Amino acid sequence: MSKLETEFVDLKDARIAFRQFGSGTILMLLHGNSQSKKIFSRYQTEYFKMYNTIAVDSRGHGESESNDDEYSIDQYSNDIIEFCETKGIKEAYLIGYSDGGNISLLLAKTTYRT
């Protein structure tokens, strides 16, 4: 398995950790509550090789940092939007489970363009 390096993006009020692997169409991987980007390591290096995968730690999870006392799906979704803006990502596929699935659904609802 290839070594995945953790990188960071500084948002307005959080430092978001992520691991990027591959090339091609961007596929963002969003974990569930109390998990981290690490659960996607094998998917990034073995199963989704045809994509440029980006596994993101939500604020308050894994290696991401913030000073929040409470979290919400709205806040996590806004973080992904700001993350993409900071990284220059204009479109991406999403895979999420549990909270990551809820984040994905909210992102689809709020950012869908025809």
PDB file of N, CA and C in Angstrom:
ATOM      1  N   MET A   1       0.850  -1.182   0.000  1.00  0.00           N
ATOM      2  CA  MET A   1       0.000   0.000   0.000  1.00  0.00           C
ATOM      3  C   MET A   1       0.892   1.240   0.000  1.00  0.00           C
ATOM      4  N   SER A   2       0.536   2.210  -0.804  1.00  0.00           N
ATOM      5  CA  SER A   2       1.279   3.463  -0.877  1.00  0.00           C
ATOM      6  C   SER A   2       1.074   4.276   0.395  1.00  0.00           C
ATOM      7  N   LYS A   3       2.093   5.046   0.744  1.00  0.00           N
ATOM      8  CA  LYS A   3       2.022   5.893   1.931  1.00  0.00           C
ATOM      9  C   LYS A   3       1.206   7.139   1.619  1.00  0.00           C
ATOM     10  N   LEU A   4       0.221   7.398   2.462  1.00  0.00           N
ATOM     11  CA  LEU A   4      -0.596   8.602   2.309  1.00  0.00           C
ATOM     12  C   LEU A   4      -0.090   9.651   3.294  1.00  0.00           C
ATOM     13  N   GLU A   5       0.160  10.824   2.790  1.00  0.00           N
ATOM     14  CA  GLU A   5       0.652  11.923   3.615  1.00  0.00           C
ATOM     15  C   GLU A   5      -0.499  12.844   4.004  1.00  0.00           C
ATOM     16  N   THR A   6      -0.542  13.241   5.253  1.00  0.00           N
ATOM     17  CA  THR A   6      -1.546  14.188   5.705  1.00  0.00           C
ATOM     18  C   THR A   6      -1.114  15.601   5.348  1.00  0.00           C
ATOM     19  N   GLU A   7      -2.050  16.338   4.762  1.00  0.00           N
ATOM     20  CA  GLU A   7      -1.852  17.745   4.447  1.00  0.00           C
ATOM     21  C   GLU A   7      -2.920  18.537   5.198  1.00  0.00           C
ATOM     22  N   PHE A   8      -2.770  19.857   5.212  1.00  0.00           N
ATOM     23  CA  PHE A   8      -3.706  20.707   5.941  1.00  0.00           C
ATOM     24  C   PHE A   8      -4.112  21.909   5.103  1.00  0.00           C
ATOM     25  N   VAL A   9      -5.356  22.332   5.307  1.00  0.00           N
ATOM     26  CA  VAL A   9      -5.871  23.571   4.725  1.00  0.00           C
ATOM     27  C   VAL A   9      -6.417  24.403   5.879  1.00  0.00           C
ATOM     28  N   ASP A  10      -5.995  25.663   5.938  1.00  0.00           N
ATOM     29  CA  ASP A  10      -6.499  26.570   6.972  1.00  0.00           C
ATOM     30  C   ASP A  10      -7.739  27.285   6.465  1.00  0.00           C
ATOM     31  N   LEU A  11      -8.856  27.057   7.154  1.00  0.00           N
ATOM     32  CA  LEU A  11     -10.098  27.762   6.871  1.00  0.00           C
ATOM     33  C   LEU A  11     -10.195  28.952   7.812  1.00  0.00           C
ATOM     34  N   LYS A  12     -11.298  29.693   7.738  1.00  0.00           N
ATOM     35  CA  LYS A  12     -11.448  30.876   8.593  1.00  0.00           C
ATOM     36  C   LYS A  12     -11.306  30.549  10.072  1.00  0.00           C
ATOM     37  N   ASP A  13     -11.917  29.440  10.497  1.00  0.00           N
ATOM     38  CA  ASP A  13     -11.926  29.125  11.926  1.00  0.00           C
ATOM     39  C   ASP A  13     -11.597  27.669  12.235  1.00  0.00           C
ATOM     40  N   ALA A  14     -10.904  27.012  11.321  1.00  0.00           N
ATOM     41  CA  ALA A  14     -10.521  25.618  11.548  1.00  0.00           C
ATOM     42  C   ALA A  14      -9.326  25.264  10.664  1.00  0.00           C
ATOM     43  N   ARG A  15      -8.594  24.263  11.092  1.00  0.00           N
ATOM     44  CA  ARG A  15      -7.502  23.705  10.291  1.00  0.00           C
ATOM     45  C   ARG A  15      -7.931  22.287   9.919  1.00  0.00           C
ATOM     46  N   ILE A  16      -8.132  22.060   8.628  1.00  0.00           N
ATOM     47  CA  ILE A  16      -8.696  20.813   8.147  1.00  0.00           C
ATOM     48  C   ILE A  16      -7.592  19.909   7.590  1.00  0.00           C
ATOM     49  N   ALA A  17      -7.541  18.675   8.110  1.00  0.00           N
ATOM     50  CA  ALA A  17      -6.575  17.676   7.655  1.00  0.00           C
ATOM     51  C   ALA A  17      -7.196  16.856   6.526  1.00  0.00           C
ATOM     52  N   PHE A  18      -6.358  16.460   5.563  1.00  0.00           N
ATOM     53  CA  PHE A  18      -6.828  15.630   4.465  1.00  0.00           C
ATOM     54  C   PHE A  18      -5.682  14.816   3.897  1.00  0.00           C
ATOM     55  N   ARG A  19      -6.038  13.764   3.178  1.00  0.00           N
ATOM     56  CA  ARG A  19      -5.077  12.954   2.436  1.00  0.00           C
ATOM     57  C   ARG A  19      -5.561  12.854   0.999  1.00  0.00           C
ATOM     58  N   GLN A  20      -4.664  13.130   0.071  1.00  0.00           N
ATOM     59  CA  GLN A  20      -5.001  13.126  -1.353  1.00  0.00           C
ATOM     60  C   GLN A  20      -4.176  12.054  -2.042  1.00  0.00           C
ATOM     61  N   PHE A  21      -4.823  11.336  -2.981  1.00  0.00           N
ATOM     62  CA  PHE A  21      -4.116  10.269  -3.677  1.00  0.00           C
ATOM     63  C   PHE A  21      -4.727  10.073  -5.055  1.00  0.00           C
ATOM     64  N   GLY A  22      -3.885   9.835  -6.048  1.00  0.00           N
ATOM     65  CA  GLY A  22      -4.352   9.508  -7.387  1.00  0.00           C
ATOM     66  C   GLY A  22      -4.440  10.707  -8.300  1.00  0.00           C
ATOM     67  N   SER A  23      -5.059  10.470  -9.451  1.00  0.00           N
ATOM     68  CA  SER A  23      -5.235  11.539 -10.426  1.00  0.00           C
ATOM     69  C   SER A  23      -6.550  11.298 -11.156  1.00  0.00           C
ATOM     70  N   GLY A  24      -7.006  12.319 -11.835  1.00  0.00           N
ATOM     71  CA  GLY A  24      -8.258  12.217 -12.568  1.00  0.00           C
ATOM     72  C   GLY A  24      -9.360  12.992 -11.885  1.00  0.00           C
ATOM     73  N   THR A  25     -10.579  12.531 -12.071  1.00  0.00           N
ATOM     74  CA  THR A  25     -11.753  13.170 -11.493  1.00  0.00           C
ATOM     75  C   THR A  25     -11.664  13.135  -9.968  1.00  0.00           C
ATOM     76  N   ILE A  26     -12.053  14.227  -9.330  1.00  0.00           N
ATOM     77  CA  ILE A  26     -11.959  14.308  -7.871  1.00  0.00           C
ATOM     78  C   ILE A  26     -13.112  13.550  -7.226  1.00  0.00           C
ATOM     79  N   LEU A  27     -12.757  12.717  -6.250  1.00  0.00           N
ATOM     80  CA  LEU A  27     -13.704  11.958  -5.446  1.00  0.00           C
ATOM     81  C   LEU A  27     -13.403  12.267  -3.982  1.00  0.00           C
ATOM     82  N   MET A  28     -14.313  12.986  -3.337  1.00  0.00           N
ATOM     83  CA  MET A  28     -14.121  13.343  -1.937  1.00  0.00           C
ATOM     84  C   MET A  28     -14.758  12.272  -1.054  1.00  0.00           C
ATOM     85  N   LEU A  29     -14.043  11.891  -0.008  1.00  0.00           N
ATOM     86  CA  LEU A  29     -14.462  10.833   0.902  1.00  0.00           C
ATOM     87  C   LEU A  29     -14.708  11.442   2.276  1.00  0.00           C
ATOM     88  N   LEU A  30     -15.953  11.330   2.760  1.00  0.00           N
ATOM     89  CA  LEU A  30     -16.373  11.981   4.001  1.00  0.00           C
ATOM     90  C   LEU A  30     -16.776  10.919   5.025  1.00  0.00           C
ATOM     91  N   HIS A  31     -16.098  10.893   6.139  1.00  0.00           N
ATOM     92  CA  HIS A  31     -16.282   9.865   7.173  1.00  0.00           C
ATOM     93  C   HIS A  31     -17.485  10.145   8.069  1.00  0.00           C
ATOM     94  N   GLY A  32     -17.805   9.170   8.896  1.00  0.00           N
ATOM     95  CA  GLY A  32     -18.892   9.297   9.858  1.00  0.00           C
ATOM     96  C   GLY A  32     -18.423   9.879  11.179  1.00  0.00           C
ATOM     97  N   ASN A  33     -19.365  10.066  12.086  1.00  0.00           N
ATOM     98  CA  ASN A  33     -19.088  10.626  13.402  1.00  0.00           C
ATOM     99  C   ASN A  33     -18.084   9.749  14.153  1.00  0.00           C
ATOM    100  N   SER A  34     -17.158  10.403  14.829  1.00  0.00           N
ATOM    101  CA  SER A  34     -16.111   9.759  15.631  1.00  0.00           C
ATOM    102  C   SER A  34     -15.116   8.960  14.796  1.00  0.00           C
ATOM    103  N   GLN A  35     -15.089   9.150  13.494  1.00  0.00           N
ATOM    104  CA  GLN A  35     -14.132   8.482  12.622  1.00  0.00           C
ATOM    105  C   GLN A  35     -13.148   9.514  12.080  1.00  0.00           C
ATOM    106  N   SER A  36     -12.339   9.101  11.123  1.00  0.00           N
ATOM    107  CA  SER A  36     -11.397  10.019  10.493  1.00  0.00           C
ATOM    108  C   SER A  36     -11.120   9.563   9.067  1.00  0.00           C
ATOM    109  N   LYS A  37     -10.313  10.330   8.381  1.00  0.00           N
ATOM    110  CA  LYS A  37      -9.918  10.040   7.003  1.00  0.00           C
ATOM    111  C   LYS A  37      -9.221   8.695   6.889  1.00  0.00           C
ATOM    112  N   LYS A  38      -8.656   8.197   7.971  1.00  0.00           N
ATOM    113  CA  LYS A  38      -7.883   6.957   7.936  1.00  0.00           C
ATOM    114  C   LYS A  38      -8.705   5.757   7.475  1.00  0.00           C
ATOM    115  N   ILE A  39     -10.020   5.791   7.701  1.00  0.00           N
ATOM    116  CA  ILE A  39     -10.833   4.640   7.306  1.00  0.00           C
ATOM    117  C   ILE A  39     -10.878   4.469   5.791  1.00  0.00           C
ATOM    118  N   PHE A  40     -10.505   5.499   5.052  1.00  0.00           N
ATOM    119  CA  PHE A  40     -10.539   5.434   3.592  1.00  0.00           C
ATOM    120  C   PHE A  40      -9.186   5.089   2.968  1.00  0.00           C
ATOM    121  N   SER A  41      -8.159   4.853   3.763  1.00  0.00           N
ATOM    122  CA  SER A  41      -6.805   4.628   3.233  1.00  0.00           C
ATOM    123  C   SER A  41      -6.760   3.538   2.172  1.00  0.00           C
ATOM    124  N   ARG A  42      -7.324   2.393   2.469  1.00  0.00           N
ATOM    125  CA  ARG A  42      -7.274   1.284   1.506  1.00  0.00           C
ATOM    126  C   ARG A  42      -8.091   1.604   0.253  1.00  0.00           C
ATOM    127  N   TYR A  43      -9.209   2.284   0.441  1.00  0.00           N
ATOM    128  CA  TYR A  43     -10.019   2.666  -0.715  1.00  0.00           C
ATOM    129  C   TYR A  43      -9.229   3.598  -1.633  1.00  0.00           C
ATOM    130  N   GLN A  44      -8.490   4.528  -1.020  1.00  0.00           N
ATOM    131  CA  GLN A  44      -7.726   5.474  -1.822  1.00  0.00           C
ATOM    132  C   GLN A  44      -6.611   4.794  -2.603  1.00  0.00           C
ATOM    133  N   THR A  45      -5.908   3.878  -1.980  1.00  0.00           N
ATOM    134  CA  THR A  45      -4.722   3.297  -2.617  1.00  0.00           C
ATOM    135  C   THR A  45      -4.987   2.039  -3.425  1.00  0.00           C
ATOM    136  N   GLU A  46      -6.122   1.355  -3.167  1.00  0.00           N
ATOM    137  CA  GLU A  46      -6.375   0.104  -3.871  1.00  0.00           C
ATOM    138  C   GLU A  46      -7.629   0.103  -4.742  1.00  0.00           C
ATOM    139  N   TYR A  47      -8.713   0.697  -4.272  1.00  0.00           N
ATOM    140  CA  TYR A  47      -9.983   0.539  -4.961  1.00  0.00           C
ATOM    141  C   TYR A  47     -10.361   1.709  -5.867  1.00  0.00           C
ATOM    142  N   PHE A  48      -9.962   2.909  -5.521  1.00  0.00           N
ATOM    143  CA  PHE A  48     -10.362   4.095  -6.287  1.00  0.00           C
ATOM    144  C   PHE A  48      -9.174   4.706  -7.018  1.00  0.00           C
ATOM    145  N   LYS A  49      -8.319   3.883  -7.566  1.00  0.00           N
ATOM    146  CA  LYS A  49      -7.097   4.353  -8.226  1.00  0.00           C
ATOM    147  C   LYS A  49      -7.375   5.249  -9.435  1.00  0.00           C
ATOM    148  N   MET A  50      -8.570   5.114 -10.029  1.00  0.00           N
ATOM    149  CA  MET A  50      -8.872   5.898 -11.230  1.00  0.00           C
ATOM    150  C   MET A  50      -9.333   7.314 -10.902  1.00  0.00           C
ATOM    151  N   TYR A  51      -9.370   7.649  -9.613  1.00  0.00           N
ATOM    152  CA  TYR A  51      -9.807   8.975  -9.165  1.00  0.00           C
ATOM    153  C   TYR A  51      -8.689   9.696  -8.414  1.00  0.00           C
ATOM    154  N   ASN A  52      -8.827  10.995  -8.351  1.00  0.00           N
ATOM    155  CA  ASN A  52      -8.030  11.816  -7.457  1.00  0.00           C
ATOM    156  C   ASN A  52      -8.842  11.881  -6.164  1.00  0.00           C
ATOM    157  N   THR A  53      -8.528  11.013  -5.216  1.00  0.00           N
ATOM    158  CA  THR A  53      -9.316  10.937  -3.991  1.00  0.00           C
ATOM    159  C   THR A  53      -8.797  11.912  -2.944  1.00  0.00           C
ATOM    160  N   ILE A  54      -9.743  12.508  -2.226  1.00  0.00           N
ATOM    161  CA  ILE A  54      -9.413  13.414  -1.133  1.00  0.00           C
ATOM    162  C   ILE A  54     -10.260  12.989   0.066  1.00  0.00           C
ATOM    163  N   ALA A  55      -9.601  12.415   1.071  1.00  0.00           N
ATOM    164  CA  ALA A  55     -10.281  12.021   2.304  1.00  0.00           C
ATOM    165  C   ALA A  55     -10.048  13.131   3.329  1.00  0.00           C
ATOM    166  N   VAL A  56     -11.137  13.676   3.844  1.00  0.00           N
ATOM    167  CA  VAL A  56     -11.090  14.865   4.699  1.00  0.00           C
ATOM    168  C   VAL A  56     -11.493  14.500   6.121  1.00  0.00           C
ATOM    169  N   ASP A  57     -10.749  15.010   7.112  1.00  0.00           N
ATOM    170  CA  ASP A  57     -11.177  14.931   8.512  1.00  0.00           C
ATOM    171  C   ASP A  57     -12.112  16.101   8.791  1.00  0.00           C
ATOM    172  N   SER A  58     -13.316  15.811   9.241  1.00  0.00           N
ATOM    173  CA  SER A  58     -14.217  16.890   9.672  1.00  0.00           C
ATOM    174  C   SER A  58     -13.620  17.597  10.878  1.00  0.00           C
ATOM    175  N   ARG A  59     -13.986  18.851  11.062  1.00  0.00           N
ATOM    176  CA  ARG A  59     -13.491  19.576  12.240  1.00  0.00           C
ATOM    177  C   ARG A  59     -13.859  18.784  13.493  1.00  0.00           C
ATOM    178  N   GLY A  60     -12.920  18.761  14.448  1.00  0.00           N
ATOM    179  CA  GLY A  60     -13.143  18.017  15.680  1.00  0.00           C
ATOM    180  C   GLY A  60     -12.891  16.522  15.557  1.00  0.00           C
ATOM    181  N   HIS A  61     -12.421  16.076  14.404  1.00  0.00           N
ATOM    182  CA  HIS A  61     -12.169  14.662  14.158  1.00  0.00           C
ATOM    183  C   HIS A  61     -10.756  14.476  13.615  1.00  0.00           C
ATOM    184  N   GLY A  62     -10.181  13.304  13.859  1.00  0.00           N
ATOM    185  CA  GLY A  62      -8.858  12.996  13.320  1.00  0.00           C
ATOM    186  C   GLY A  62      -7.845  14.064  13.666  1.00  0.00           C
ATOM    187  N   GLU A  63      -7.183  14.568  12.644  1.00  0.00           N
ATOM    188  CA  GLU A  63      -6.140  15.578  12.840  1.00  0.00           C
ATOM    189  C   GLU A  63      -6.611  17.006  12.578  1.00  0.00           C
ATOM    190  N   SER A  64      -7.888  17.181  12.271  1.00  0.00           N
ATOM    191  CA  SER A  64      -8.403  18.543  12.069  1.00  0.00           C
ATOM    192  C   SER A  64      -8.519  19.248  13.419  1.00  0.00           C
ATOM    193  N   GLU A  65      -8.408  20.568  13.375  1.00  0.00           N
ATOM    194  CA  GLU A  65      -8.400  21.356  14.604  1.00  0.00           C
ATOM    195  C   GLU A  65      -9.406  22.502  14.517  1.00  0.00           C
ATOM    196  N   SER A  66     -10.100  22.733  15.633  1.00  0.00           N
ATOM    197  CA  SER A  66     -10.965  23.906  15.771  1.00  0.00           C
ATOM    198  C   SER A  66     -11.220  24.112  17.251  1.00  0.00           C
ATOM    199  N   ASN A  67     -11.790  25.243  17.589  1.00  0.00           N
ATOM    200  CA  ASN A  67     -12.083  25.557  18.995  1.00  0.00           C
ATOM    201  C   ASN A  67     -13.567  25.463  19.304  1.00  0.00           C
ATOM    202  N   ASP A  68     -14.296  24.682  18.524  1.00  0.00           N
ATOM    203  CA  ASP A  68     -15.745  24.588  18.689  1.00  0.00           C
ATOM    204  C   ASP A  68     -16.130  23.713  19.874  1.00  0.00           C
ATOM    205  N   ASP A  69     -17.257  24.046  20.481  1.00  0.00           N
ATOM    206  CA  ASP A  69     -17.842  23.215  21.532  1.00  0.00           C
ATOM    207  C   ASP A  69     -18.933  22.318  20.955  1.00  0.00           C
ATOM    208  N   GLU A  70     -19.535  22.754  19.866  1.00  0.00           N
ATOM    209  CA  GLU A  70     -20.610  22.004  19.215  1.00  0.00           C
ATOM    210  C   GLU A  70     -20.343  21.959  17.719  1.00  0.00           C
ATOM    211  N   TYR A  71     -20.906  20.925  17.095  1.00  0.00           N
ATOM    212  CA  TYR A  71     -20.736  20.737  15.663  1.00  0.00           C
ATOM    213  C   TYR A  71     -22.098  20.508  15.032  1.00  0.00           C
ATOM    214  N   SER A  72     -22.190  20.762  13.725  1.00  0.00           N
ATOM    215  CA  SER A  72     -23.449  20.523  13.011  1.00  0.00           C
ATOM    216  C   SER A  72     -23.142  20.102  11.577  1.00  0.00           C
ATOM    217  N   ILE A  73     -24.103  19.439  10.968  1.00  0.00           N
ATOM    218  CA  ILE A  73     -23.964  19.033   9.570  1.00  0.00           C
ATOM    219  C   ILE A  73     -23.834  20.270   8.681  1.00  0.00           C
ATOM    220  N   ASP A  74     -24.571  21.339   9.012  1.00  0.00           N
ATOM    221  CA  ASP A  74     -24.437  22.597   8.255  1.00  0.00           C
ATOM    222  C   ASP A  74     -23.005  23.108   8.296  1.00  0.00           C
ATOM    223  N   GLN A  75     -22.407  23.094   9.484  1.00  0.00           N
ATOM    224  CA  GLN A  75     -21.030  23.581   9.646  1.00  0.00           C
ATOM    225  C   GLN A  75     -20.054  22.698   8.860  1.00  0.00           C
ATOM    226  N   TYR A  76     -20.209  21.375   8.966  1.00  0.00           N
ATOM    227  CA  TYR A  76     -19.333  20.474   8.219  1.00  0.00           C
ATOM    228  C   TYR A  76     -19.471  20.703   6.712  1.00  0.00           C
ATOM    229  N   SER A  77     -20.699  20.893   6.244  1.00  0.00           N
ATOM    230  CA  SER A  77     -20.934  21.139   4.823  1.00  0.00           C
ATOM    231  C   SER A  77     -20.275  22.436   4.371  1.00  0.00           C
ATOM    232  N   ASN A  78     -20.419  23.474   5.172  1.00  0.00           N
ATOM    233  CA  ASN A  78     -19.763  24.751   4.852  1.00  0.00           C
ATOM    234  C   ASN A  78     -18.248  24.601   4.835  1.00  0.00           C
ATOM    235  N   ASP A  79     -17.715  23.764   5.724  1.00  0.00           N
ATOM    236  CA  ASP A  79     -16.271  23.508   5.716  1.00  0.00           C
ATOM    237  C   ASP A  79     -15.828  22.877   4.397  1.00  0.00           C
ATOM    238  N   ILE A  80     -16.606  21.935   3.891  1.00  0.00           N
ATOM    239  CA  ILE A  80     -16.252  21.282   2.622  1.00  0.00           C
ATOM    240  C   ILE A  80     -16.313  22.289   1.479  1.00  0.00           C
ATOM    241  N   ILE A  81     -17.310  23.150   1.480  1.00  0.00           N
ATOM    242  CA  ILE A  81     -17.395  24.197   0.451  1.00  0.00           C
ATOM    243  C   ILE A  81     -16.181  25.117   0.534  1.00  0.00           C
ATOM    244  N   GLU A  82     -15.838  25.576   1.729  1.00  0.00           N
ATOM    245  CA  GLU A  82     -14.670  26.457   1.894  1.00  0.00           C
ATOM    246  C   GLU A  82     -13.376  25.720   1.545  1.00  0.00           C
ATOM    247  N   PHE A  83     -13.285  24.452   1.919  1.00  0.00           N
ATOM    248  CA  PHE A  83     -12.131  23.626   1.565  1.00  0.00           C
ATOM    249  C   PHE A  83     -11.968  23.596   0.041  1.00  0.00           C
ATOM    250  N   CYS A  84     -13.053  23.300  -0.658  1.00  0.00           N
ATOM    251  CA  CYS A  84     -12.999  23.234  -2.127  1.00  0.00           C
ATOM    252  C   CYS A  84     -12.630  24.575  -2.735  1.00  0.00           C
ATOM    253  N   GLU A  85     -13.192  25.652  -2.218  1.00  0.00           N
ATOM    254  CA  GLU A  85     -12.840  26.982  -2.723  1.00  0.00           C
ATOM    255  C   GLU A  85     -11.355  27.258  -2.518  1.00  0.00           C
ATOM    256  N   THR A  86     -10.836  26.917  -1.345  1.00  0.00           N
ATOM    257  CA  THR A  86      -9.427  27.143  -1.036  1.00  0.00           C
ATOM    258  C   THR A  86      -8.513  26.328  -1.948  1.00  0.00           C
ATOM    259  N   LYS A  87      -8.924  25.098  -2.249  1.00  0.00           N
ATOM    260  CA  LYS A  87      -8.125  24.203  -3.092  1.00  0.00           C
ATOM    261  C   LYS A  87      -8.396  24.397  -4.591  1.00  0.00           C
ATOM    262  N   GLY A  88      -9.342  25.276  -4.943  1.00  0.00           N
ATOM    263  CA  GLY A  88      -9.657  25.511  -6.349  1.00  0.00           C
ATOM    264  C   GLY A  88     -10.458  24.384  -6.985  1.00  0.00           C
ATOM    265  N   ILE A  89     -11.175  23.622  -6.167  1.00  0.00           N
ATOM    266  CA  ILE A  89     -11.991  22.521  -6.670  1.00  0.00           C
ATOM    267  C   ILE A  89     -13.354  23.073  -7.066  1.00  0.00           C
ATOM    268  N   LYS A  90     -13.715  22.898  -8.319  1.00  0.00           N
ATOM    269  CA  LYS A  90     -14.985  23.427  -8.822  1.00  0.00           C
ATOM    270  C   LYS A  90     -16.070  22.353  -8.883  1.00  0.00           C
ATOM    271  N   GLU A  91     -15.675  21.083  -9.004  1.00  0.00           N
ATOM    272  CA  GLU A  91     -16.662  20.007  -8.962  1.00  0.00           C
ATOM    273  C   GLU A  91     -15.982  18.720  -8.507  1.00  0.00           C
ATOM    274  N   ALA A  92     -16.774  17.873  -7.855  1.00  0.00           N
ATOM    275  CA  ALA A  92     -16.246  16.617  -7.321  1.00  0.00           C
ATOM    276  C   ALA A  92     -17.393  15.649  -7.086  1.00  0.00           C
ATOM    277  N   TYR A  93     -17.067  14.391  -7.133  1.00  0.00           N
ATOM    278  CA  TYR A  93     -17.989  13.362  -6.669  1.00  0.00           C
ATOM    279  C   TYR A  93     -17.799  13.220  -5.168  1.00  0.00           C
ATOM    280  N   LEU A  94     -18.844  12.759  -4.486  1.00  0.00           N
ATOM    281  CA  LEU A  94     -18.780  12.590  -3.039  1.00  0.00           C
ATOM    282  C   LEU A  94     -19.175  11.175  -2.653  1.00  0.00           C
ATOM    283  N   ILE A  95     -18.458  10.630  -1.684  1.00  0.00           N
ATOM    284  CA  ILE A  95     -18.878   9.404  -1.017  1.00  0.00           C
ATOM    285  C   ILE A  95     -18.811   9.703   0.472  1.00  0.00           C
ATOM    286  N   GLY A  96     -19.907   9.448   1.162  1.00  0.00           N
ATOM    287  CA  GLY A  96     -19.925   9.655   2.595  1.00  0.00           C
ATOM    288  C   GLY A  96     -20.829   8.634   3.249  1.00  0.00           C
ATOM    289  N   TYR A  97     -20.494   8.288   4.486  1.00  0.00           N
ATOM    290  CA  TYR A  97     -21.394   7.406   5.220  1.00  0.00           C
ATOM    291  C   TYR A  97     -21.679   8.034   6.574  1.00  0.00           C
ATOM    292  N   SER A  98     -22.814   7.695   7.135  1.00  0.00           N
ATOM    293  CA  SER A  98     -23.258   8.243   8.414  1.00  0.00           C
ATOM    294  C   SER A  98     -23.252   9.772   8.302  1.00  0.00           C
ATOM    295  N   ASP A  99     -22.562  10.470   9.180  1.00  0.00           N
ATOM    296  CA  ASP A  99     -22.512  11.936   9.079  1.00  0.00           C
ATOM    297  C   ASP A  99     -21.973  12.376   7.720  1.00  0.00           C
ATOM    298  N   GLY A 100     -21.009  11.642   7.173  1.00  0.00           N
ATOM    299  CA  GLY A 100     -20.478  11.972   5.851  1.00  0.00           C
ATOM    300  C   GLY A 100     -21.541  11.889   4.768  1.00  0.00           C
ATOM    301  N   GLY A 101     -22.475  10.943   4.923  1.00  0.00           N
ATOM    302  CA  GLY A 101     -23.595  10.847   3.994  1.00  0.00           C
ATOM    303  C   GLY A 101     -24.527  12.033   4.122  1.00  0.00           C
ATOM    304  N   ASN A 102     -24.790  12.442   5.360  1.00  0.00           N
ATOM    305  CA  ASN A 102     -25.638  13.619   5.591  1.00  0.00           C
ATOM    306  C   ASN A 102     -24.985  14.881   5.042  1.00  0.00           C
ATOM    307  N   ILE A 103     -23.684  15.000   5.225  1.00  0.00           N
ATOM    308  CA  ILE A 103     -22.953  16.145   4.674  1.00  0.00           C
ATOM    309  C   ILE A 103     -23.078  16.144   3.147  1.00  0.00           C
ATOM    310  N   SER A 104     -22.892  14.979   2.548  1.00  0.00           N
ATOM    311  CA  SER A 104     -22.998  14.851   1.087  1.00  0.00           C
ATOM    312  C   SER A 104     -24.374  15.260   0.584  1.00  0.00           C
ATOM    313  N   LEU A 105     -25.426  14.808   1.273  1.00  0.00           N
ATOM    314  CA  LEU A 105     -26.785  15.164   0.860  1.00  0.00           C
ATOM    315  C   LEU A 105     -27.024  16.669   0.962  1.00  0.00           C
ATOM    316  N   LEU A 106     -26.560  17.280   2.042  1.00  0.00           N
ATOM    317  CA  LEU A 106     -26.735  18.724   2.187  1.00  0.00           C
ATOM    318  C   LEU A 106     -25.937  19.473   1.121  1.00  0.00           C
ATOM    319  N   LEU A 107     -24.735  19.018   0.833  1.00  0.00           N
ATOM    320  CA  LEU A 107     -23.943  19.650  -0.222  1.00  0.00           C
ATOM    321  C   LEU A 107     -24.643  19.537  -1.569  1.00  0.00           C
ATOM    322  N   ALA A 108     -25.199  18.369  -1.857  1.00  0.00           N
ATOM    323  CA  ALA A 108     -25.915  18.188  -3.126  1.00  0.00           C
ATOM    324  C   ALA A 108     -27.113  19.131  -3.205  1.00  0.00           C
ATOM    325  N   LYS A 109     -27.794  19.290  -2.103  1.00  0.00           N
ATOM    326  CA  LYS A 109     -28.978  20.159  -2.073  1.00  0.00           C
ATOM    327  C   LYS A 109     -28.600  21.631  -2.246  1.00  0.00           C
ATOM    328  N   THR A 110     -27.522  22.063  -1.612  1.00  0.00           N
ATOM    329  CA  THR A 110     -27.190  23.481  -1.595  1.00  0.00           C
ATOM    330  C   THR A 110     -26.282  23.934  -2.738  1.00  0.00           C
ATOM    331  N   THR A 111     -25.593  22.999  -3.390  1.00  0.00           N
ATOM    332  CA  THR A 111     -24.644  23.406  -4.418  1.00  0.00           C
ATOM    333  C   THR A 111     -24.958  22.856  -5.801  1.00  0.00           C
ATOM    334  N   TYR A 112     -26.047  22.123  -5.941  1.00  0.00           N
ATOM    335  CA  TYR A 112     -26.396  21.520  -7.226  1.00  0.00           C
ATOM    336  C   TYR A 112     -26.689  22.602  -8.262  1.00  0.00           C
ATOM    337  N   ARG A 113     -26.081  22.443  -9.442  1.00  0.00           N
ATOM    338  CA  ARG A 113     -26.323  23.361 -10.551  1.00  0.00           C
ATOM    339  C   ARG A 113     -26.720  22.543 -11.774  1.00  0.00           C
ATOM    340  N   THR A 114     -27.689  23.029 -12.531  1.00  0.00           N
ATOM    341  CA  THR A 114     -28.097  22.318 -13.741  1.00  0.00           C
ATOM    342  C   THR A 114     -27.427  22.899 -14.950  1.00  0.00           C
TER     343      THR A 114
END
